[in-house]
Amino acid sequence: MSKEQAHSGRDDTFRALADPTRRKILRLLNAGEMSAGDLASHFAISGPSMSHHFNVLKSADLIRTRRNGQQIMYSLNTTVVQDLLTTVLDLLQAKDSQEEI
């Protein structure tokens, strides 16, 4: 993966995290895999709006999906979340280093 591709992926990730509904979806999935219906029951928004949020999170590779019969099951992609946390911690360390100078 090139630096440009990695940068673009992080941009998608930060855009996905900018929305409070998507952050709540991720918090819910932190407890474990859930169906689309179970996730939707926590929100007072339309099905198409939930689908949009799921698609944004999938595009940012923050969640994974699998089909279980008629249901779509969602889970947190912990690898990407760990990479994101590493990026944020690196940014904070760089800031701390600059303040020491």
PDB file of N, CA and C in Angstrom:
ATOM      1  N   MET A   1       0.854  -1.181   0.000  1.00  0.00           N
ATOM      2  CA  MET A   1       0.000   0.000   0.000  1.00  0.00           C
ATOM      3  C   MET A   1       0.897   1.241   0.000  1.00  0.00           C
ATOM      4  N   SER A   2       0.597   2.174  -0.877  1.00  0.00           N
ATOM      5  CA  SER A   2       1.391   3.395  -0.947  1.00  0.00           C
ATOM      6  C   SER A   2       0.998   4.343   0.186  1.00  0.00           C
ATOM      7  N   LYS A   3       1.872   5.352   0.424  1.00  0.00           N
ATOM      8  CA  LYS A   3       1.552   6.363   1.445  1.00  0.00           C
ATOM      9  C   LYS A   3       0.258   7.081   1.095  1.00  0.00           C
ATOM     10  N   GLU A   4       0.072   7.344  -0.209  1.00  0.00           N
ATOM     11  CA  GLU A   4      -1.135   8.054  -0.655  1.00  0.00           C
ATOM     12  C   GLU A   4      -2.389   7.231  -0.364  1.00  0.00           C
ATOM     13  N   GLN A   5      -2.336   5.921  -0.605  1.00  0.00           N
ATOM     14  CA  GLN A   5      -3.482   5.064  -0.326  1.00  0.00           C
ATOM     15  C   GLN A   5      -3.753   5.002   1.173  1.00  0.00           C
ATOM     16  N   ALA A   6      -2.695   4.897   1.960  1.00  0.00           N
ATOM     17  CA  ALA A   6      -2.865   4.859   3.416  1.00  0.00           C
ATOM     18  C   ALA A   6      -3.477   6.156   3.916  1.00  0.00           C
ATOM     19  N   HIS A   7      -3.003   7.285   3.386  1.00  0.00           N
ATOM     20  CA  HIS A   7      -3.538   8.596   3.788  1.00  0.00           C
ATOM     21  C   HIS A   7      -5.013   8.684   3.431  1.00  0.00           C
ATOM     22  N   SER A   8      -5.377   8.237   2.230  1.00  0.00           N
ATOM     23  CA  SER A   8      -6.776   8.276   1.798  1.00  0.00           C
ATOM     24  C   SER A   8      -7.645   7.401   2.695  1.00  0.00           C
ATOM     25  N   GLY A   9      -7.120   6.223   3.084  1.00  0.00           N
ATOM     26  CA  GLY A   9      -7.866   5.340   3.971  1.00  0.00           C
ATOM     27  C   GLY A   9      -8.099   5.961   5.327  1.00  0.00           C
ATOM     28  N   ARG A  10      -7.071   6.640   5.852  1.00  0.00           N
ATOM     29  CA  ARG A  10      -7.243   7.316   7.146  1.00  0.00           C
ATOM     30  C   ARG A  10      -8.260   8.447   7.024  1.00  0.00           C
ATOM     31  N   ASP A  11      -8.249   9.173   5.903  1.00  0.00           N
ATOM     32  CA  ASP A  11      -9.243  10.229   5.700  1.00  0.00           C
ATOM     33  C   ASP A  11     -10.646   9.646   5.737  1.00  0.00           C
ATOM     34  N   ASP A  12     -10.846   8.511   5.059  1.00  0.00           N
ATOM     35  CA  ASP A  12     -12.158   7.847   5.072  1.00  0.00           C
ATOM     36  C   ASP A  12     -12.537   7.447   6.491  1.00  0.00           C
ATOM     37  N   THR A  13     -11.559   6.974   7.243  1.00  0.00           N
ATOM     38  CA  THR A  13     -11.819   6.551   8.614  1.00  0.00           C
ATOM     39  C   THR A  13     -12.241   7.738   9.473  1.00  0.00           C
ATOM     40  N   PHE A  14     -11.503   8.834   9.380  1.00  0.00           N
ATOM     41  CA  PHE A  14     -11.858  10.014  10.186  1.00  0.00           C
ATOM     42  C   PHE A  14     -13.205  10.591   9.763  1.00  0.00           C
ATOM     43  N   ARG A  15     -13.511  10.568   8.465  1.00  0.00           N
ATOM     44  CA  ARG A  15     -14.829  11.035   8.000  1.00  0.00           C
ATOM     45  C   ARG A  15     -15.929  10.158   8.584  1.00  0.00           C
ATOM     46  N   ALA A  16     -15.697   8.860   8.598  1.00  0.00           N
ATOM     47  CA  ALA A  16     -16.699   7.935   9.140  1.00  0.00           C
ATOM     48  C   ALA A  16     -16.922   8.192  10.630  1.00  0.00           C
ATOM     49  N   LEU A  17     -15.846   8.498  11.336  1.00  0.00           N
ATOM     50  CA  LEU A  17     -15.943   8.725  12.782  1.00  0.00           C
ATOM     51  C   LEU A  17     -16.517  10.091  13.144  1.00  0.00           C
ATOM     52  N   ALA A  18     -16.624  10.963  12.175  1.00  0.00           N
ATOM     53  CA  ALA A  18     -17.116  12.320  12.442  1.00  0.00           C
ATOM     54  C   ALA A  18     -18.595  12.337  12.811  1.00  0.00           C
ATOM     55  N   ASP A  19     -19.322  11.303  12.468  1.00  0.00           N
ATOM     56  CA  ASP A  19     -20.767  11.285  12.704  1.00  0.00           C
ATOM     57  C   ASP A  19     -21.097  10.553  14.012  1.00  0.00           C
ATOM     58  N   PRO A  20     -21.897  11.176  14.879  1.00  0.00           N
ATOM     59  CA  PRO A  20     -22.216  10.548  16.168  1.00  0.00           C
ATOM     60  C   PRO A  20     -22.977   9.227  16.039  1.00  0.00           C
ATOM     61  N   THR A  21     -23.814   9.089  15.022  1.00  0.00           N
ATOM     62  CA  THR A  21     -24.541   7.828  14.827  1.00  0.00           C
ATOM     63  C   THR A  21     -23.570   6.699  14.532  1.00  0.00           C
ATOM     64  N   ARG A  22     -22.588   6.964  13.673  1.00  0.00           N
ATOM     65  CA  ARG A  22     -21.605   5.932  13.339  1.00  0.00           C
ATOM     66  C   ARG A  22     -20.722   5.595  14.545  1.00  0.00           C
ATOM     67  N   ARG A  23     -20.394   6.593  15.338  1.00  0.00           N
ATOM     68  CA  ARG A  23     -19.613   6.306  16.554  1.00  0.00           C
ATOM     69  C   ARG A  23     -20.409   5.418  17.510  1.00  0.00           C
ATOM     70  N   LYS A  24     -21.713   5.662  17.611  1.00  0.00           N
ATOM     71  CA  LYS A  24     -22.552   4.830  18.486  1.00  0.00           C
ATOM     72  C   LYS A  24     -22.631   3.400  17.939  1.00  0.00           C
ATOM     73  N   ILE A  25     -22.722   3.249  16.633  1.00  0.00           N
ATOM     74  CA  ILE A  25     -22.726   1.909  16.036  1.00  0.00           C
ATOM     75  C   ILE A  25     -21.451   1.172  16.430  1.00  0.00           C
ATOM     76  N   LEU A  26     -20.312   1.855  16.338  1.00  0.00           N
ATOM     77  CA  LEU A  26     -19.038   1.229  16.694  1.00  0.00           C
ATOM     78  C   LEU A  26     -18.998   0.864  18.181  1.00  0.00           C
ATOM     79  N   ARG A  27     -19.538   1.746  19.034  1.00  0.00           N
ATOM     80  CA  ARG A  27     -19.576   1.433  20.468  1.00  0.00           C
ATOM     81  C   ARG A  27     -20.423   0.186  20.722  1.00  0.00           C
ATOM     82  N   LEU A  28     -21.557   0.088  20.038  1.00  0.00           N
ATOM     83  CA  LEU A  28     -22.418  -1.085  20.201  1.00  0.00           C
ATOM     84  C   LEU A  28     -21.694  -2.352  19.733  1.00  0.00           C
ATOM     85  N   LEU A  29     -20.988  -2.253  18.618  1.00  0.00           N
ATOM     86  CA  LEU A  29     -20.281  -3.420  18.088  1.00  0.00           C
ATOM     87  C   LEU A  29     -19.068  -3.788  18.922  1.00  0.00           C
ATOM     88  N   ASN A  30     -18.603  -2.882  19.736  1.00  0.00           N
ATOM     89  CA  ASN A  30     -17.480  -3.186  20.616  1.00  0.00           C
ATOM     90  C   ASN A  30     -17.837  -4.321  21.581  1.00  0.00           C
ATOM     91  N   ALA A  31     -19.127  -4.467  21.881  1.00  0.00           N
ATOM     92  CA  ALA A  31     -19.594  -5.534  22.770  1.00  0.00           C
ATOM     93  C   ALA A  31     -19.684  -6.877  22.049  1.00  0.00           C
ATOM     94  N   GLY A  32     -19.651  -6.858  20.716  1.00  0.00           N
ATOM     95  CA  GLY A  32     -19.729  -8.100  19.944  1.00  0.00           C
ATOM     96  C   GLY A  32     -20.590  -7.948  18.710  1.00  0.00           C
ATOM     97  N   GLU A  33     -20.600  -8.986  17.911  1.00  0.00           N
ATOM     98  CA  GLU A  33     -21.335  -9.005  16.647  1.00  0.00           C
ATOM     99  C   GLU A  33     -22.831  -8.787  16.875  1.00  0.00           C
ATOM    100  N   MET A  34     -23.444  -8.019  15.958  1.00  0.00           N
ATOM    101  CA  MET A  34     -24.886  -7.751  16.040  1.00  0.00           C
ATOM    102  C   MET A  34     -25.483  -7.760  14.640  1.00  0.00           C
ATOM    103  N   SER A  35     -26.763  -8.078  14.576  1.00  0.00           N
ATOM    104  CA  SER A  35     -27.462  -8.029  13.293  1.00  0.00           C
ATOM    105  C   SER A  35     -27.825  -6.585  12.965  1.00  0.00           C
ATOM    106  N   ALA A  36     -28.106  -6.343  11.698  1.00  0.00           N
ATOM    107  CA  ALA A  36     -28.522  -5.005  11.266  1.00  0.00           C
ATOM    108  C   ALA A  36     -29.774  -4.568  12.030  1.00  0.00           C
ATOM    109  N   GLY A  37     -30.713  -5.478  12.210  1.00  0.00           N
ATOM    110  CA  GLY A  37     -31.943  -5.156  12.932  1.00  0.00           C
ATOM    111  C   GLY A  37     -31.698  -4.808  14.391  1.00  0.00           C
ATOM    112  N   ASP A  38     -30.810  -5.569  15.035  1.00  0.00           N
ATOM    113  CA  ASP A  38     -30.471  -5.279  16.439  1.00  0.00           C
ATOM    114  C   ASP A  38     -29.831  -3.901  16.560  1.00  0.00           C
ATOM    115  N   LEU A  39     -28.919  -3.593  15.639  1.00  0.00           N
ATOM    116  CA  LEU A  39     -28.283  -2.273  15.664  1.00  0.00           C
ATOM    117  C   LEU A  39     -29.311  -1.177  15.419  1.00  0.00           C
ATOM    118  N   ALA A  40     -30.164  -1.370  14.422  1.00  0.00           N
ATOM    119  CA  ALA A  40     -31.158  -0.353  14.063  1.00  0.00           C
ATOM    120  C   ALA A  40     -32.125  -0.072  15.209  1.00  0.00           C
ATOM    121  N   SER A  41     -32.363  -1.062  16.062  1.00  0.00           N
ATOM    122  CA  SER A  41     -33.315  -0.869  17.164  1.00  0.00           C
ATOM    123  C   SER A  41     -32.824   0.178  18.175  1.00  0.00           C
ATOM    124  N   HIS A  42     -31.570   0.544  18.114  1.00  0.00           N
ATOM    125  CA  HIS A  42     -31.003   1.548  19.024  1.00  0.00           C
ATOM    126  C   HIS A  42     -31.125   2.975  18.489  1.00  0.00           C
ATOM    127  N   PHE A  43     -31.716   3.122  17.293  1.00  0.00           N
ATOM    128  CA  PHE A  43     -31.778   4.430  16.642  1.00  0.00           C
ATOM    129  C   PHE A  43     -33.191   4.717  16.159  1.00  0.00           C
ATOM    130  N   ALA A  44     -33.537   5.995  16.155  1.00  0.00           N
ATOM    131  CA  ALA A  44     -34.850   6.423  15.653  1.00  0.00           C
ATOM    132  C   ALA A  44     -34.670   7.041  14.265  1.00  0.00           C
ATOM    133  N   ILE A  45     -34.057   6.270  13.359  1.00  0.00           N
ATOM    134  CA  ILE A  45     -33.869   6.749  11.985  1.00  0.00           C
ATOM    135  C   ILE A  45     -34.340   5.671  11.021  1.00  0.00           C
ATOM    136  N   SER A  46     -34.522   6.045   9.769  1.00  0.00           N
ATOM    137  CA  SER A  46     -35.063   5.141   8.768  1.00  0.00           C
ATOM    138  C   SER A  46     -34.067   4.045   8.388  1.00  0.00           C
ATOM    139  N   GLY A  47     -34.602   2.982   7.815  1.00  0.00           N
ATOM    140  CA  GLY A  47     -33.765   1.895   7.322  1.00  0.00           C
ATOM    141  C   GLY A  47     -32.732   2.352   6.307  1.00  0.00           C
ATOM    142  N   PRO A  48     -33.143   3.174   5.311  1.00  0.00           N
ATOM    143  CA  PRO A  48     -32.149   3.656   4.351  1.00  0.00           C
ATOM    144  C   PRO A  48     -31.038   4.491   4.999  1.00  0.00           C
ATOM    145  N   SER A  49     -31.375   5.256   6.026  1.00  0.00           N
ATOM    146  CA  SER A  49     -30.345   6.028   6.734  1.00  0.00           C
ATOM    147  C   SER A  49     -29.380   5.105   7.459  1.00  0.00           C
ATOM    148  N   MET A  50     -29.894   4.052   8.099  1.00  0.00           N
ATOM    149  CA  MET A  50     -29.020   3.071   8.760  1.00  0.00           C
ATOM    150  C   MET A  50     -28.121   2.410   7.721  1.00  0.00           C
ATOM    151  N   SER A  51     -28.696   2.051   6.597  1.00  0.00           N
ATOM    152  CA  SER A  51     -27.919   1.419   5.530  1.00  0.00           C
ATOM    153  C   SER A  51     -26.788   2.331   5.070  1.00  0.00           C
ATOM    154  N   HIS A  52     -27.081   3.621   4.955  1.00  0.00           N
ATOM    155  CA  HIS A  52     -26.046   4.587   4.572  1.00  0.00           C
ATOM    156  C   HIS A  52     -24.902   4.582   5.595  1.00  0.00           C
ATOM    157  N   HIS A  53     -25.237   4.611   6.877  1.00  0.00           N
ATOM    158  CA  HIS A  53     -24.208   4.611   7.919  1.00  0.00           C
ATOM    159  C   HIS A  53     -23.385   3.317   7.862  1.00  0.00           C
ATOM    160  N   PHE A  54     -24.059   2.175   7.666  1.00  0.00           N
ATOM    161  CA  PHE A  54     -23.337   0.911   7.546  1.00  0.00           C
ATOM    162  C   PHE A  54     -22.372   0.957   6.353  1.00  0.00           C
ATOM    163  N   ASN A  55     -22.828   1.506   5.230  1.00  0.00           N
ATOM    164  CA  ASN A  55     -21.978   1.572   4.037  1.00  0.00           C
ATOM    165  C   ASN A  55     -20.760   2.465   4.248  1.00  0.00           C
ATOM    166  N   VAL A  56     -20.946   3.582   4.928  1.00  0.00           N
ATOM    167  CA  VAL A  56     -19.815   4.475   5.208  1.00  0.00           C
ATOM    168  C   VAL A  56     -18.803   3.755   6.104  1.00  0.00           C
ATOM    169  N   LEU A  57     -19.285   3.056   7.121  1.00  0.00           N
ATOM    170  CA  LEU A  57     -18.388   2.325   8.016  1.00  0.00           C
ATOM    171  C   LEU A  57     -17.683   1.179   7.295  1.00  0.00           C
ATOM    172  N   LYS A  58     -18.400   0.502   6.387  1.00  0.00           N
ATOM    173  CA  LYS A  58     -17.774  -0.574   5.612  1.00  0.00           C
ATOM    174  C   LYS A  58     -16.725  -0.004   4.665  1.00  0.00           C
ATOM    175  N   SER A  59     -17.035   1.123   4.018  1.00  0.00           N
ATOM    176  CA  SER A  59     -16.080   1.751   3.100  1.00  0.00           C
ATOM    177  C   SER A  59     -14.806   2.167   3.820  1.00  0.00           C
ATOM    178  N   ALA A  60     -14.930   2.584   5.060  1.00  0.00           N
ATOM    179  CA  ALA A  60     -13.771   2.971   5.867  1.00  0.00           C
ATOM    180  C   ALA A  60     -13.103   1.735   6.487  1.00  0.00           C
ATOM    181  N   ASP A  61     -13.667   0.563   6.226  1.00  0.00           N
ATOM    182  CA  ASP A  61     -13.152  -0.716   6.725  1.00  0.00           C
ATOM    183  C   ASP A  61     -13.185  -0.804   8.249  1.00  0.00           C
ATOM    184  N   LEU A  62     -14.092  -0.058   8.870  1.00  0.00           N
ATOM    185  CA  LEU A  62     -14.221  -0.101  10.325  1.00  0.00           C
ATOM    186  C   LEU A  62     -15.087  -1.263  10.806  1.00  0.00           C
ATOM    187  N   ILE A  63     -15.950  -1.767   9.915  1.00  0.00           N
ATOM    188  CA  ILE A  63     -16.795  -2.904  10.278  1.00  0.00           C
ATOM    189  C   ILE A  63     -16.702  -3.972   9.195  1.00  0.00           C
ATOM    190  N   ARG A  64     -17.020  -5.179   9.605  1.00  0.00           N
ATOM    191  CA  ARG A  64     -17.076  -6.327   8.689  1.00  0.00           C
ATOM    192  C   ARG A  64     -18.500  -6.859   8.688  1.00  0.00           C
ATOM    193  N   THR A  65     -18.855  -7.503   7.604  1.00  0.00           N
ATOM    194  CA  THR A  65     -20.190  -8.075   7.505  1.00  0.00           C
ATOM    195  C   THR A  65     -20.094  -9.552   7.116  1.00  0.00           C
ATOM    196  N   ARG A  66     -21.123 -10.282   7.516  1.00  0.00           N
ATOM    197  CA  ARG A  66     -21.284 -11.663   7.058  1.00  0.00           C
ATOM    198  C   ARG A  66     -22.780 -11.954   7.019  1.00  0.00           C
ATOM    199  N   ARG A  67     -23.146 -12.802   6.110  1.00  0.00           N
ATOM    200  CA  ARG A  67     -24.555 -13.172   5.987  1.00  0.00           C
ATOM    201  C   ARG A  67     -24.812 -14.402   6.850  1.00  0.00           C
ATOM    202  N   ASN A  68     -25.912 -14.344   7.592  1.00  0.00           N
ATOM    203  CA  ASN A  68     -26.367 -15.463   8.416  1.00  0.00           C
ATOM    204  C   ASN A  68     -27.824 -15.710   8.041  1.00  0.00           C
ATOM    205  N   GLY A  69     -28.049 -16.533   7.036  1.00  0.00           N
ATOM    206  CA  GLY A  69     -29.407 -16.732   6.521  1.00  0.00           C
ATOM    207  C   GLY A  69     -29.905 -15.440   5.892  1.00  0.00           C
ATOM    208  N   GLN A  70     -31.010 -14.924   6.395  1.00  0.00           N
ATOM    209  CA  GLN A  70     -31.584 -13.671   5.882  1.00  0.00           C
ATOM    210  C   GLN A  70     -30.971 -12.437   6.536  1.00  0.00           C
ATOM    211  N   GLN A  71     -30.216 -12.628   7.592  1.00  0.00           N
ATOM    212  CA  GLN A  71     -29.670 -11.492   8.334  1.00  0.00           C
ATOM    213  C   GLN A  71     -28.256 -11.157   7.891  1.00  0.00           C
ATOM    214  N   ILE A  72     -27.928  -9.873   8.002  1.00  0.00           N
ATOM    215  CA  ILE A  72     -26.550  -9.440   7.832  1.00  0.00           C
ATOM    216  C   ILE A  72     -26.018  -9.140   9.227  1.00  0.00           C
ATOM    217  N   MET A  73     -24.903  -9.761   9.536  1.00  0.00           N
ATOM    218  CA  MET A  73     -24.286  -9.594  10.846  1.00  0.00           C
ATOM    219  C   MET A  73     -23.097  -8.649  10.702  1.00  0.00           C
ATOM    220  N   TYR A  74     -22.971  -7.731  11.660  1.00  0.00           N
ATOM    221  CA  TYR A  74     -21.903  -6.734  11.636  1.00  0.00           C
ATOM    222  C   TYR A  74     -20.980  -6.958  12.821  1.00  0.00           C
ATOM    223  N   SER A  75     -19.683  -6.726  12.596  1.00  0.00           N
ATOM    224  CA  SER A  75     -18.705  -6.801  13.673  1.00  0.00           C
ATOM    225  C   SER A  75     -17.659  -5.714  13.462  1.00  0.00           C
ATOM    226  N   LEU A  76     -17.002  -5.379  14.534  1.00  0.00           N
ATOM    227  CA  LEU A  76     -15.962  -4.359  14.516  1.00  0.00           C
ATOM    228  C   LEU A  76     -14.702  -4.936  13.882  1.00  0.00           C
ATOM    229  N   ASN A  77     -14.092  -4.187  12.975  1.00  0.00           N
ATOM    230  CA  ASN A  77     -12.816  -4.590  12.385  1.00  0.00           C
ATOM    231  C   ASN A  77     -11.722  -4.054  13.303  1.00  0.00           C
ATOM    232  N   THR A  78     -11.320  -4.861  14.253  1.00  0.00           N
ATOM    233  CA  THR A  78     -10.396  -4.392  15.282  1.00  0.00           C
ATOM    234  C   THR A  78      -9.030  -4.014  14.729  1.00  0.00           C
ATOM    235  N   THR A  79      -8.614  -4.621  13.616  1.00  0.00           N
ATOM    236  CA  THR A  79      -7.314  -4.288  13.022  1.00  0.00           C
ATOM    237  C   THR A  79      -7.269  -2.822  12.619  1.00  0.00           C
ATOM    238  N   VAL A  80      -8.308  -2.339  11.950  1.00  0.00           N
ATOM    239  CA  VAL A  80      -8.345  -0.946  11.510  1.00  0.00           C
ATOM    240  C   VAL A  80      -8.470  -0.020  12.713  1.00  0.00           C
ATOM    241  N   VAL A  81      -9.253  -0.405  13.691  1.00  0.00           N
ATOM    242  CA  VAL A  81      -9.399   0.423  14.889  1.00  0.00           C
ATOM    243  C   VAL A  81      -8.050   0.540  15.608  1.00  0.00           C
ATOM    244  N   GLN A  82      -7.310  -0.557  15.700  1.00  0.00           N
ATOM    245  CA  GLN A  82      -5.986  -0.507  16.331  1.00  0.00           C
ATOM    246  C   GLN A  82      -5.041   0.390  15.532  1.00  0.00           C
ATOM    247  N   ASP A  83      -5.075   0.287  14.200  1.00  0.00           N
ATOM    248  CA  ASP A  83      -4.235   1.147  13.355  1.00  0.00           C
ATOM    249  C   ASP A  83      -4.584   2.614  13.561  1.00  0.00           C
ATOM    250  N   LEU A  84      -5.870   2.907  13.676  1.00  0.00           N
ATOM    251  CA  LEU A  84      -6.321   4.276  13.894  1.00  0.00           C
ATOM    252  C   LEU A  84      -5.813   4.800  15.235  1.00  0.00           C
ATOM    253  N   LEU A  85      -5.921   3.983  16.270  1.00  0.00           N
ATOM    254  CA  LEU A  85      -5.436   4.399  17.584  1.00  0.00           C
ATOM    255  C   LEU A  85      -3.933   4.647  17.563  1.00  0.00           C
ATOM    256  N   THR A  86      -3.205   3.828  16.839  1.00  0.00           N
ATOM    257  CA  THR A  86      -1.759   4.023  16.712  1.00  0.00           C
ATOM    258  C   THR A  86      -1.468   5.358  16.041  1.00  0.00           C
ATOM    259  N   THR A  87      -2.210   5.686  14.992  1.00  0.00           N
ATOM    260  CA  THR A  87      -2.035   6.957  14.292  1.00  0.00           C
ATOM    261  C   THR A  87      -2.297   8.128  15.233  1.00  0.00           C
ATOM    262  N   VAL A  88      -3.378   8.057  15.994  1.00  0.00           N
ATOM    263  CA  VAL A  88      -3.733   9.134  16.919  1.00  0.00           C
ATOM    264  C   VAL A  88      -2.658   9.272  18.007  1.00  0.00           C
ATOM    265  N   LEU A  89      -2.201   8.152  18.538  1.00  0.00           N
ATOM    266  CA  LEU A  89      -1.154   8.211  19.565  1.00  0.00           C
ATOM    267  C   LEU A  89       0.144   8.788  19.003  1.00  0.00           C
ATOM    268  N   ASP A  90       0.476   8.431  17.762  1.00  0.00           N
ATOM    269  CA  ASP A  90       1.663   9.005  17.117  1.00  0.00           C
ATOM    270  C   ASP A  90       1.531  10.516  16.980  1.00  0.00           C
ATOM    271  N   LEU A  91       0.344  10.978  16.623  1.00  0.00           N
ATOM    272  CA  LEU A  91       0.118  12.416  16.499  1.00  0.00           C
ATOM    273  C   LEU A  91       0.288  13.114  17.848  1.00  0.00           C
ATOM    274  N   LEU A  92      -0.230  12.498  18.888  1.00  0.00           N
ATOM    275  CA  LEU A  92      -0.117  13.086  20.225  1.00  0.00           C
ATOM    276  C   LEU A  92       1.330  13.094  20.704  1.00  0.00           C
ATOM    277  N   GLN A  93       2.061  12.031  20.412  1.00  0.00           N
ATOM    278  CA  GLN A  93       3.474  11.986  20.798  1.00  0.00           C
ATOM    279  C   GLN A  93       4.269  13.057  20.066  1.00  0.00           C
ATOM    280  N   ALA A  94       3.977  13.250  18.775  1.00  0.00           N
ATOM    281  CA  ALA A  94       4.678  14.275  18.000  1.00  0.00           C
ATOM    282  C   ALA A  94       4.405  15.652  18.586  1.00  0.00           C
ATOM    283  N   LYS A  95       3.170  15.888  19.004  1.00  0.00           N
ATOM    284  CA  LYS A  95       2.814  17.173  19.600  1.00  0.00           C
ATOM    285  C   LYS A  95       3.564  17.362  20.920  1.00  0.00           C
ATOM    286  N   ASP A  96       3.602  16.321  21.744  1.00  0.00           N
ATOM    287  CA  ASP A  96       4.321  16.412  23.014  1.00  0.00           C
ATOM    288  C   ASP A  96       5.805  16.677  22.785  1.00  0.00           C
ATOM    289  N   SER A  97       6.391  16.046  21.798  1.00  0.00           N
ATOM    290  CA  SER A  97       7.813  16.248  21.489  1.00  0.00           C
ATOM    291  C   SER A  97       8.094  17.680  21.068  1.00  0.00           C
ATOM    292  N   GLN A  98       7.189  18.259  20.286  1.00  0.00           N
ATOM    293  CA  GLN A  98       7.356  19.650  19.828  1.00  0.00           C
ATOM    294  C   GLN A  98       7.242  20.620  20.997  1.00  0.00           C
ATOM    295  N   GLU A  99       6.368  20.318  21.947  1.00  0.00           N
ATOM    296  CA  GLU A  99       6.191  21.216  23.093  1.00  0.00           C
ATOM    297  C   GLU A  99       7.411  21.192  24.008  1.00  0.00           C
ATOM    298  N   GLU A 100       8.157  20.111  24.024  1.00  0.00           N
ATOM    299  CA  GLU A 100       9.351  20.005  24.868  1.00  0.00           C
ATOM    300  C   GLU A 100      10.491  20.835  24.338  1.00  0.00           C
ATOM    301  N   ILE A 101      10.476  21.124  23.046  1.00  0.00           N
ATOM    302  CA  ILE A 101      11.587  21.882  22.419  1.00  0.00           C
ATOM    303  C   ILE A 101      11.569  23.319  22.797  1.00  0.00           C
TER     304      ILE A 101
END
